[in-house]
C-alpha atoms as a PDB file:
ATOM      1  CA  MET A   1      99.770  -4.807 125.263  1.00  0.00           C
ATOM      2  CA  SER A   2      97.657  -4.902 122.139  1.00  0.00           C
ATOM      3  CA  ALA A   3      93.919  -5.473 122.406  1.00  0.00           C
ATOM      4  CA  ILE A   4      94.231  -8.826 120.608  1.00  0.00           C
ATOM      5  CA  LEU A   5      96.875 -10.116 123.023  1.00  0.00           C
ATOM      6  CA  GLU A   6      94.749  -8.963 125.954  1.00  0.00           C
ATOM      7  CA  ARG A   7      91.822 -10.982 124.534  1.00  0.00           C
ATOM      8  CA  VAL A   8      94.125 -14.014 124.201  1.00  0.00           C
ATOM      9  CA  ARG A   9      95.188 -13.683 127.849  1.00  0.00           C
ATOM     10  CA  LYS A  10      91.579 -13.306 129.047  1.00  0.00           C
ATOM     11  CA  THR A  11      90.425 -16.251 126.941  1.00  0.00           C
ATOM     12  CA  LYS A  12      93.186 -18.438 128.387  1.00  0.00           C
ATOM     13  CA  GLU A  13      92.168 -17.386 131.917  1.00  0.00           C
ATOM     14  CA  GLU A  14      88.537 -18.277 131.151  1.00  0.00           C
ATOM     15  CA  ILE A  15      89.584 -21.666 129.796  1.00  0.00           C
ATOM     16  CA  ALA A  16      91.655 -22.359 132.926  1.00  0.00           C
ATOM     17  CA  ALA A  17      88.765 -21.370 135.211  1.00  0.00           C
ATOM     18  CA  LYS A  18      86.255 -23.525 133.287  1.00  0.00           C
ATOM     19  CA  ARG A  19      88.700 -26.460 133.235  1.00  0.00           C
ATOM     20  CA  LYS A  20      89.193 -26.195 137.006  1.00  0.00           C
ATOM     21  CA  LYS A  21      85.422 -26.217 137.602  1.00  0.00           C
ATOM     22  CA  LEU A  22      84.828 -29.131 135.224  1.00  0.00           C
ATOM     23  CA  LEU A  23      87.614 -31.161 136.879  1.00  0.00           C
ATOM     24  CA  LYS A  24      86.023 -30.532 140.271  1.00  0.00           C
ATOM     25  CA  ASP A  25      82.653 -31.620 138.842  1.00  0.00           C
ATOM     26  CA  ILE A  26      84.016 -34.855 137.319  1.00  0.00           C
ATOM     27  CA  LYS A  27      85.696 -35.761 140.625  1.00  0.00           C
ATOM     28  CA  ILE A  28      82.393 -35.234 142.469  1.00  0.00           C
ATOM     29  CA  LEU A  29      80.566 -37.321 139.853  1.00  0.00           C
ATOM     30  CA  PHE A  30      83.174 -40.084 140.182  1.00  0.00           C
ATOM     31  CA  GLY A  31      82.498 -40.178 143.923  1.00  0.00           C
ATOM     32  CA  GLU A  32      78.718 -40.224 143.479  1.00  0.00           C
ATOM     33  CA  ALA A  33      78.898 -42.938 140.822  1.00  0.00           C
ATOM     34  CA  SER A  34      81.241 -44.988 143.057  1.00  0.00           C
ATOM     35  CA  LYS A  35      78.742 -44.829 145.922  1.00  0.00           C
ATOM     36  CA  GLU A  36      75.997 -45.942 143.555  1.00  0.00           C
ATOM     37  CA  LEU A  37      78.177 -48.875 142.435  1.00  0.00           C
ATOM     38  CA  PHE A  38      78.760 -49.907 146.065  1.00  0.00           C
ATOM     39  CA  ASP A  39      75.005 -49.657 146.760  1.00  0.00           C
ATOM     40  CA  GLN A  40      74.194 -51.850 143.751  1.00  0.00           C
ATOM     41  CA  HIS A  41      76.849 -54.431 144.708  1.00  0.00           C
ATOM     42  CA  PRO A  42      76.942 -55.043 148.473  1.00  0.00           C
ATOM     43  CA  ASN A  43      79.679 -57.655 147.962  1.00  0.00           C
ATOM     44  CA  LEU A  44      82.037 -54.893 146.778  1.00  0.00           C
ATOM     45  CA  HIS A  45      83.937 -53.214 149.593  1.00  0.00           C
ATOM     46  CA  GLN A  46      87.021 -51.755 147.920  1.00  0.00           C
ATOM     47  CA  PHE A  47      88.651 -51.391 144.539  1.00  0.00           C
ATOM     48  CA  GLY A  48      91.848 -49.719 143.486  1.00  0.00           C
ATOM     49  CA  TRP A  49      94.668 -49.465 141.001  1.00  0.00           C
ATOM     50  CA  ALA A  50      98.067 -47.876 140.462  1.00  0.00           C
ATOM     51  CA  GLN A  51      98.541 -45.017 138.021  1.00  0.00           C
ATOM     52  CA  TYR A  52     101.793 -43.454 136.906  1.00  0.00           C
ATOM     53  CA  THR A  53     104.068 -42.323 134.132  1.00  0.00           C
ATOM     54  CA  PRO A  54     106.920 -44.836 133.812  1.00  0.00           C
ATOM     55  CA  TYR A  55     110.412 -43.457 134.276  1.00  0.00           C
ATOM     56  CA  PHE A  56     111.826 -45.616 131.475  1.00  0.00           C
ATOM     57  CA  ASN A  57     110.211 -47.413 128.533  1.00  0.00           C
ATOM     58  CA  ASP A  58     113.076 -48.953 126.504  1.00  0.00           C
ATOM     59  CA  GLY A  59     113.531 -45.762 124.512  1.00  0.00           C
ATOM     60  CA  ASP A  60     109.835 -45.304 123.766  1.00  0.00           C
ATOM     61  CA  GLU A  61     107.940 -42.291 125.048  1.00  0.00           C
ATOM     62  CA  CYS A  62     106.907 -42.593 128.695  1.00  0.00           C
ATOM     63  CA  ILE A  63     103.145 -42.084 128.808  1.00  0.00           C
ATOM     64  CA  PHE A  64     100.910 -41.850 131.867  1.00  0.00           C
ATOM     65  CA  GLU A  65      98.560 -44.779 132.389  1.00  0.00           C
ATOM     66  CA  ALA A  66      95.897 -45.576 134.970  1.00  0.00           C
ATOM     67  CA  ASN A  67      96.248 -49.344 135.335  1.00  0.00           C
ATOM     68  CA  THR A  68      92.544 -50.045 135.736  1.00  0.00           C
ATOM     69  CA  ASP A  69      92.979 -53.337 133.862  1.00  0.00           C
ATOM     70  CA  TYR A  70      94.860 -54.608 136.939  1.00  0.00           C
ATOM     71  CA  LEU A  71      92.467 -53.950 139.770  1.00  0.00           C
ATOM     72  CA  ASP A  72      92.849 -54.742 143.423  1.00  0.00           C
ATOM     73  CA  VAL A  73      89.305 -55.822 144.345  1.00  0.00           C
ATOM     74  CA  ASN A  74      87.978 -57.125 147.667  1.00  0.00           C
ATOM     75  CA  TRP A  75      84.629 -58.844 147.955  1.00  0.00           C
ATOM     76  CA  SER A  76      83.038 -59.903 151.226  1.00  0.00           C
ATOM     77  CA  GLY A  77      83.318 -63.619 151.804  1.00  0.00           C
ATOM     78  CA  GLU A  78      85.832 -64.291 149.053  1.00  0.00           C
ATOM     79  CA  TRP A  79      88.616 -65.191 151.482  1.00  0.00           C
ATOM     80  CA  ASN A  80      88.177 -66.723 154.866  1.00  0.00           C
ATOM     81  CA  GLU A  81      90.883 -66.347 157.511  1.00  0.00           C
ATOM     82  CA  LYS A  82      92.430 -69.763 156.767  1.00  0.00           C
ATOM     83  CA  ASP A  83      92.678 -68.945 153.041  1.00  0.00           C
ATOM     84  CA  ALA A  84      94.320 -65.611 153.815  1.00  0.00           C
ATOM     85  CA  GLU A  85      96.868 -67.204 156.164  1.00  0.00           C
ATOM     86  CA  GLU A  86      97.647 -69.939 153.630  1.00  0.00           C
ATOM     87  CA  LEU A  87      98.076 -67.435 150.816  1.00  0.00           C
ATOM     88  CA  ALA A  88     100.244 -65.208 152.989  1.00  0.00           C
ATOM     89  CA  GLU A  89     102.543 -68.162 153.733  1.00  0.00           C
ATOM     90  CA  ILE A  90     102.760 -69.169 150.059  1.00  0.00           C
ATOM     91  CA  ALA A  91     103.348 -65.558 149.023  1.00  0.00           C
ATOM     92  CA  LYS A  92     106.151 -65.273 151.609  1.00  0.00           C
ATOM     93  CA  GLU A  93     107.780 -68.476 150.325  1.00  0.00           C
ATOM     94  CA  LYS A  94     107.590 -67.205 146.734  1.00  0.00           C
ATOM     95  CA  GLY A  95     108.877 -63.727 147.611  1.00  0.00           C
ATOM     96  CA  ILE A  96     105.593 -61.989 146.869  1.00  0.00           C
ATOM     97  CA  LYS A  97     105.534 -58.917 149.071  1.00  0.00           C
ATOM     98  CA  GLU A  98     101.811 -58.161 149.052  1.00  0.00           C
ATOM     99  CA  LEU A  99      98.797 -60.394 148.654  1.00  0.00           C
ATOM    100  CA  LYS A 100      97.341 -57.975 146.121  1.00  0.00           C
ATOM    101  CA  ASP A 101     100.145 -59.125 143.786  1.00  0.00           C
ATOM    102  CA  ILE A 102      98.228 -62.380 143.318  1.00  0.00           C
ATOM    103  CA  HIS A 103      94.960 -60.726 142.333  1.00  0.00           C
ATOM    104  CA  GLU A 104      94.295 -59.718 138.781  1.00  0.00           C
ATOM    105  CA  LEU A 105      90.992 -58.356 137.555  1.00  0.00           C
ATOM    106  CA  GLY A 106      89.224 -59.702 140.611  1.00  0.00           C
ATOM    107  CA  SER A 107      89.913 -63.298 139.662  1.00  0.00           C
ATOM    108  CA  ALA A 108      91.518 -64.970 142.671  1.00  0.00           C
ATOM    109  CA  LYS A 109      94.572 -67.058 141.956  1.00  0.00           C
ATOM    110  CA  HIS A 110      95.478 -70.170 143.845  1.00  0.00           C
ATOM    111  CA  TRP A 111      98.724 -72.121 144.040  1.00  0.00           C
ATOM    112  CA  ASP A 112      98.469 -75.550 142.405  1.00  0.00           C
ATOM    113  CA  GLY A 113     101.884 -76.646 143.691  1.00  0.00           C
ATOM    114  CA  ASN A 114     103.797 -75.321 140.676  1.00  0.00           C
ATOM    115  CA  ASN A 115     102.069 -72.203 139.363  1.00  0.00           C
ATOM    116  CA  TRP A 116      99.505 -69.542 140.186  1.00  0.00           C
ATOM    117  CA  VAL A 117      96.285 -70.664 138.498  1.00  0.00           C
ATOM    118  CA  ASP A 118      93.158 -68.579 137.888  1.00  0.00           C
ATOM    119  CA  LYS A 119      90.177 -69.558 139.981  1.00  0.00           C
ATOM    120  CA  ASP A 120      86.958 -68.351 138.373  1.00  0.00           C
ATOM    121  CA  PRO A 121      84.993 -65.983 140.600  1.00  0.00           C
ATOM    122  CA  ASP A 122      81.472 -66.893 141.578  1.00  0.00           C
ATOM    123  CA  PRO A 123      78.668 -65.486 139.347  1.00  0.00           C
ATOM    124  CA  GLN A 124      77.833 -62.664 141.784  1.00  0.00           C
ATOM    125  CA  ALA A 125      81.493 -61.634 141.927  1.00  0.00           C
ATOM    126  CA  LYS A 126      81.709 -61.753 138.114  1.00  0.00           C
ATOM    127  CA  GLU A 127      78.642 -59.500 137.801  1.00  0.00           C
ATOM    128  CA  THR A 128      80.203 -57.064 140.277  1.00  0.00           C
ATOM    129  CA  LEU A 129      83.504 -57.086 138.406  1.00  0.00           C
ATOM    130  CA  ASP A 130      81.766 -56.538 135.055  1.00  0.00           C
ATOM    131  CA  SER A 131      79.872 -53.544 136.494  1.00  0.00           C
ATOM    132  CA  LEU A 132      83.064 -52.162 137.978  1.00  0.00           C
ATOM    133  CA  LYS A 133      84.948 -52.468 134.687  1.00  0.00           C
ATOM    134  CA  SER A 134      82.071 -50.793 132.801  1.00  0.00           C
ATOM    135  CA  PHE A 135      82.050 -47.957 135.329  1.00  0.00           C
ATOM    136  CA  LEU A 136      85.806 -47.369 135.033  1.00  0.00           C
ATOM    137  CA  LYS A 137      85.681 -47.379 131.211  1.00  0.00           C
ATOM    138  CA  GLU A 138      83.643 -44.168 131.405  1.00  0.00           C
ATOM    139  CA  PHE A 139      86.882 -42.416 132.436  1.00  0.00           C
ATOM    140  CA  ASN A 140      90.091 -42.173 130.426  1.00  0.00           C
ATOM    141  CA  ASP A 141      93.705 -41.841 131.573  1.00  0.00           C
ATOM    142  CA  ASP A 142      93.563 -38.037 131.418  1.00  0.00           C
ATOM    143  CA  ASP A 143      90.492 -38.053 133.667  1.00  0.00           C
ATOM    144  CA  PHE A 144      92.235 -40.246 136.239  1.00  0.00           C
ATOM    145  CA  LYS A 145      95.404 -38.164 136.151  1.00  0.00           C
ATOM    146  CA  ASP A 146      93.449 -34.928 136.544  1.00  0.00           C
ATOM    147  CA  MET A 147      91.374 -36.350 139.416  1.00  0.00           C
ATOM    148  CA  PHE A 148      94.085 -38.131 141.393  1.00  0.00           C
ATOM    149  CA  GLY A 149      97.536 -37.203 140.075  1.00  0.00           C
ATOM    150  CA  ASP A 150     100.592 -39.116 138.885  1.00  0.00           C
ATOM    151  CA  HIS A 151     102.592 -41.841 140.654  1.00  0.00           C
ATOM    152  CA  CYS A 152      99.631 -42.834 142.849  1.00  0.00           C
ATOM    153  CA  GLN A 153      97.896 -45.868 144.293  1.00  0.00           C
ATOM    154  CA  ILE A 154      94.144 -45.273 144.315  1.00  0.00           C
ATOM    155  CA  SER A 155      91.797 -47.024 146.740  1.00  0.00           C
ATOM    156  CA  VAL A 156      88.039 -46.461 146.527  1.00  0.00           C
ATOM    157  CA  THR A 157      85.693 -47.499 149.344  1.00  0.00           C
ATOM    158  CA  ARG A 158      82.174 -46.565 150.423  1.00  0.00           C
ATOM    159  CA  LYS A 159      83.759 -43.823 152.528  1.00  0.00           C
ATOM    160  CA  GLY A 160      85.543 -42.198 149.594  1.00  0.00           C
ATOM    161  CA  VAL A 161      88.809 -42.199 147.681  1.00  0.00           C
ATOM    162  CA  GLU A 162      92.279 -42.507 149.192  1.00  0.00           C
ATOM    163  CA  VAL A 163      95.307 -41.506 147.149  1.00  0.00           C
ATOM    164  CA  GLU A 164      98.757 -42.643 148.232  1.00  0.00           C
ATOM    165  CA  GLU A 165     102.152 -42.124 146.668  1.00  0.00           C
ATOM    166  CA  TYR A 166     103.170 -45.077 144.487  1.00  0.00           C
ATOM    167  CA  GLU A 167     106.778 -46.102 143.919  1.00  0.00           C
ATOM    168  CA  HIS A 168     107.641 -47.988 140.746  1.00  0.00           C
ATOM    169  CA  ASP A 169     110.522 -48.666 138.363  1.00  0.00           C
END
């Protein structure tokens, strides 16, 4: 092999090694920053999202996306047991399989008899959600894919990050 091609091979190996280390570092920093976010917002107990590359996109290119605009967020005290039971019954009647399907961006939805209607979160919940969205904007889709993979449901708690397989169309 020529000396130039050997330098190319070595340079590519160095790039791969540096990339691997940097990816490990960004994942550690994500965890540390998440813990800081939980410490700053005691009403935040969990947040998560789905991320995947669609299998079909009406002929357009299928591009990976971390769906952090559609968060599953739980705050302490947002739902009492009666609310949860009532929502579960309504969701069952409407064919909604999971209660998280009626949460969008942390704004609880309630059934007005005909439609799901946004119910504004309290000011503390809004502040928490704004901080959470600002935190997640520091990472792009490539970061999320590198940290957690493709076709995943991500759930972040004070204890760490759980990654589960995510099935989609």
